[in-house]
């Protein structure tokens, strides 16, 4: 809650409060997509993107936790 962002991306200088968030961000520079959909084999940079994608296979709607919209 201090607003401190001690973790800095060495490629672009963006700063983060948590090292894990920096790790996910770094994948935008490396192109790494370590999370694979077991249904179709498509790869994603983070688990939340994979989770959202998996709804395309189940027919379920995805509800955004931030705004509440479903799609």
N, C-alpha and C. Protein backbone atom coordinates (compact mmCIF):
# COMPACT_ATOMS: atom_id res chain seq x y z
N UNK A 1 0.82 -1.21 0.00
CA UNK A 1 0.00 0.00 0.00
C UNK A 1 0.85 1.26 0.00
N UNK A 2 2.15 1.09 -0.07
CA UNK A 2 3.03 2.25 0.00
C UNK A 2 3.20 2.93 -1.35
N UNK A 3 2.82 2.26 -2.42
CA UNK A 3 3.02 2.82 -3.75
C UNK A 3 4.42 2.57 -4.29
N UNK A 4 5.24 1.93 -3.50
CA UNK A 4 6.61 1.63 -3.91
C UNK A 4 6.61 0.61 -5.05
N UNK A 5 7.45 0.84 -6.05
CA UNK A 5 7.57 -0.07 -7.18
C UNK A 5 9.05 -0.38 -7.41
N UNK A 6 9.58 -1.29 -6.62
CA UNK A 6 11.02 -1.55 -6.66
C UNK A 6 11.50 -2.45 -7.80
N UNK A 7 10.58 -3.02 -8.57
CA UNK A 7 10.96 -3.95 -9.63
C UNK A 7 10.85 -3.25 -10.98
N UNK A 8 11.96 -3.12 -11.68
CA UNK A 8 12.02 -2.36 -12.92
C UNK A 8 12.37 -3.26 -14.10
N UNK A 9 11.62 -3.10 -15.18
CA UNK A 9 11.90 -3.85 -16.41
C UNK A 9 13.17 -3.29 -17.03
N UNK A 10 14.13 -4.14 -17.28
CA UNK A 10 15.41 -3.69 -17.84
C UNK A 10 15.30 -3.33 -19.32
N UNK A 11 14.19 -3.73 -19.96
CA UNK A 11 14.01 -3.42 -21.38
C UNK A 11 13.35 -2.08 -21.62
N UNK A 12 12.34 -1.74 -20.81
CA UNK A 12 11.58 -0.52 -21.09
C UNK A 12 11.49 0.45 -19.92
N UNK A 13 11.93 0.02 -18.74
CA UNK A 13 11.92 0.90 -17.59
C UNK A 13 10.63 0.93 -16.79
N UNK A 14 9.60 0.21 -17.22
CA UNK A 14 8.35 0.17 -16.47
C UNK A 14 8.61 -0.45 -15.11
N UNK A 15 7.93 0.08 -14.08
CA UNK A 15 8.16 -0.41 -12.72
C UNK A 15 6.93 -1.12 -12.17
N UNK A 16 7.19 -2.03 -11.22
CA UNK A 16 6.14 -2.86 -10.65
C UNK A 16 6.31 -3.01 -9.15
N UNK A 17 5.19 -3.18 -8.47
CA UNK A 17 5.19 -3.39 -7.03
C UNK A 17 5.61 -4.80 -6.66
N UNK A 18 5.30 -5.75 -7.54
CA UNK A 18 5.56 -7.16 -7.26
C UNK A 18 6.43 -7.77 -8.35
N UNK A 19 7.35 -8.60 -7.95
CA UNK A 19 8.25 -9.25 -8.90
C UNK A 19 7.49 -10.13 -9.88
N UNK A 20 6.42 -10.78 -9.41
CA UNK A 20 5.62 -11.63 -10.29
C UNK A 20 4.99 -10.86 -11.43
N UNK A 21 4.56 -9.63 -11.15
CA UNK A 21 3.99 -8.79 -12.21
C UNK A 21 5.06 -8.41 -13.23
N UNK A 22 6.28 -8.17 -12.77
CA UNK A 22 7.39 -7.91 -13.68
C UNK A 22 7.66 -9.13 -14.55
N UNK A 23 7.62 -10.32 -13.95
CA UNK A 23 7.86 -11.55 -14.70
C UNK A 23 6.86 -11.70 -15.84
N UNK A 24 5.58 -11.45 -15.56
CA UNK A 24 4.55 -11.53 -16.60
C UNK A 24 4.80 -10.46 -17.66
N UNK A 25 5.11 -9.24 -17.24
CA UNK A 25 5.37 -8.15 -18.18
C UNK A 25 6.54 -8.47 -19.10
N UNK A 26 7.59 -9.07 -18.57
CA UNK A 26 8.78 -9.39 -19.37
C UNK A 26 8.42 -10.25 -20.57
N UNK A 27 7.37 -11.04 -20.46
CA UNK A 27 6.97 -11.89 -21.58
C UNK A 27 6.52 -11.07 -22.79
N UNK A 28 6.13 -9.81 -22.58
CA UNK A 28 5.77 -8.97 -23.72
C UNK A 28 7.01 -8.67 -24.56
N UNK A 29 8.18 -8.69 -23.94
CA UNK A 29 9.42 -8.44 -24.65
C UNK A 29 10.02 -9.72 -25.23
N UNK A 30 9.87 -10.83 -24.51
CA UNK A 30 10.49 -12.08 -24.94
C UNK A 30 9.60 -12.88 -25.89
N UNK A 31 8.29 -12.61 -25.83
CA UNK A 31 7.35 -13.38 -26.65
C UNK A 31 7.00 -14.73 -26.06
N UNK A 32 7.51 -15.02 -24.86
CA UNK A 32 7.24 -16.30 -24.22
C UNK A 32 5.75 -16.43 -23.90
N UNK A 33 5.20 -17.61 -24.21
CA UNK A 33 3.80 -17.92 -23.92
C UNK A 33 3.76 -19.32 -23.32
N UNK A 34 4.02 -19.43 -22.02
CA UNK A 34 4.19 -20.75 -21.41
C UNK A 34 2.91 -21.49 -21.02
N UNK A 35 1.75 -20.87 -21.19
CA UNK A 35 0.50 -21.51 -20.78
C UNK A 35 -0.28 -21.96 -22.01
N UNK A 36 -0.51 -23.26 -22.12
CA UNK A 36 -1.11 -23.85 -23.31
C UNK A 36 -2.52 -24.34 -23.05
N UNK A 37 -3.43 -24.02 -23.96
CA UNK A 37 -4.80 -24.51 -23.88
C UNK A 37 -4.80 -26.01 -24.17
N UNK A 38 -5.33 -26.81 -23.26
CA UNK A 38 -5.36 -28.26 -23.49
C UNK A 38 -6.35 -28.68 -24.57
N UNK A 39 -7.26 -27.78 -24.93
CA UNK A 39 -8.26 -28.12 -25.94
C UNK A 39 -7.78 -27.88 -27.37
N UNK A 40 -7.04 -26.78 -27.59
CA UNK A 40 -6.65 -26.44 -28.96
C UNK A 40 -5.16 -26.21 -29.16
N UNK A 41 -4.41 -26.13 -28.07
CA UNK A 41 -2.97 -25.96 -28.18
C UNK A 41 -2.48 -24.53 -28.29
N UNK A 42 -3.39 -23.55 -28.28
CA UNK A 42 -2.98 -22.15 -28.36
C UNK A 42 -2.26 -21.77 -27.07
N UNK A 43 -1.22 -20.93 -27.20
CA UNK A 43 -0.41 -20.55 -26.05
C UNK A 43 -0.69 -19.12 -25.61
N UNK A 44 -0.51 -18.87 -24.30
CA UNK A 44 -0.80 -17.57 -23.70
C UNK A 44 0.31 -17.15 -22.76
N UNK A 45 0.43 -15.83 -22.57
CA UNK A 45 1.48 -15.28 -21.71
C UNK A 45 1.17 -15.43 -20.23
N UNK A 46 -0.12 -15.48 -19.87
CA UNK A 46 -0.46 -15.59 -18.45
C UNK A 46 -1.70 -16.46 -18.27
N UNK A 47 -1.91 -16.91 -17.05
CA UNK A 47 -3.01 -17.83 -16.78
C UNK A 47 -4.37 -17.17 -16.94
N UNK A 48 -4.47 -15.87 -16.67
CA UNK A 48 -5.78 -15.22 -16.81
C UNK A 48 -6.21 -15.18 -18.27
N UNK A 49 -5.28 -14.97 -19.18
CA UNK A 49 -5.62 -14.97 -20.61
C UNK A 49 -6.05 -16.37 -21.05
N UNK A 50 -5.37 -17.39 -20.54
CA UNK A 50 -5.75 -18.77 -20.86
C UNK A 50 -7.14 -19.07 -20.30
N UNK A 51 -7.40 -18.67 -19.07
CA UNK A 51 -8.71 -18.92 -18.46
C UNK A 51 -9.82 -18.27 -19.29
N UNK A 52 -9.61 -17.03 -19.69
CA UNK A 52 -10.61 -16.34 -20.50
C UNK A 52 -10.81 -17.06 -21.84
N UNK A 53 -9.73 -17.48 -22.46
CA UNK A 53 -9.81 -18.19 -23.74
C UNK A 53 -10.58 -19.50 -23.61
N UNK A 54 -10.41 -20.21 -22.52
CA UNK A 54 -11.04 -21.52 -22.36
C UNK A 54 -12.56 -21.45 -22.43
N UNK A 55 -13.14 -20.28 -22.13
CA UNK A 55 -14.59 -20.11 -22.25
C UNK A 55 -15.05 -20.28 -23.70
N UNK A 56 -14.17 -20.05 -24.67
CA UNK A 56 -14.57 -20.22 -26.07
C UNK A 56 -14.86 -21.68 -26.39
N UNK A 57 -14.29 -22.58 -25.63
CA UNK A 57 -14.52 -24.01 -25.85
C UNK A 57 -15.73 -24.53 -25.09
N UNK A 58 -16.09 -23.89 -24.00
CA UNK A 58 -17.19 -24.39 -23.16
C UNK A 58 -18.53 -23.77 -23.50
N UNK A 59 -18.50 -22.62 -24.20
CA UNK A 59 -19.74 -21.92 -24.50
C UNK A 59 -20.22 -21.05 -23.36
N UNK A 60 -19.51 -21.07 -22.24
CA UNK A 60 -19.88 -20.23 -21.11
C UNK A 60 -19.51 -18.78 -21.40
N UNK A 61 -20.20 -17.87 -20.75
CA UNK A 61 -19.83 -16.47 -20.89
C UNK A 61 -18.78 -16.13 -19.85
N UNK A 62 -17.96 -15.15 -20.18
CA UNK A 62 -16.95 -14.66 -19.27
C UNK A 62 -17.45 -13.36 -18.67
N UNK A 63 -17.41 -13.23 -17.36
CA UNK A 63 -17.81 -12.00 -16.69
C UNK A 63 -16.56 -11.31 -16.17
N UNK A 64 -16.37 -10.08 -16.61
CA UNK A 64 -15.20 -9.29 -16.21
C UNK A 64 -15.31 -8.98 -14.71
N UNK A 65 -14.26 -9.32 -13.95
CA UNK A 65 -14.31 -9.04 -12.51
C UNK A 65 -14.22 -7.55 -12.19
N UNK A 66 -13.76 -6.75 -13.14
CA UNK A 66 -13.61 -5.31 -12.89
C UNK A 66 -14.87 -4.53 -13.21
N UNK A 67 -15.48 -4.81 -14.38
CA UNK A 67 -16.63 -3.99 -14.79
C UNK A 67 -17.96 -4.74 -14.74
N UNK A 68 -17.92 -6.08 -14.61
CA UNK A 68 -19.14 -6.86 -14.52
C UNK A 68 -19.78 -7.21 -15.85
N UNK A 69 -19.21 -6.74 -16.97
CA UNK A 69 -19.78 -7.06 -18.28
C UNK A 69 -19.51 -8.52 -18.62
N UNK A 70 -20.48 -9.12 -19.30
CA UNK A 70 -20.33 -10.51 -19.74
C UNK A 70 -20.23 -10.56 -21.25
N UNK A 71 -19.39 -11.47 -21.72
CA UNK A 71 -19.26 -11.68 -23.16
C UNK A 71 -18.78 -13.08 -23.43
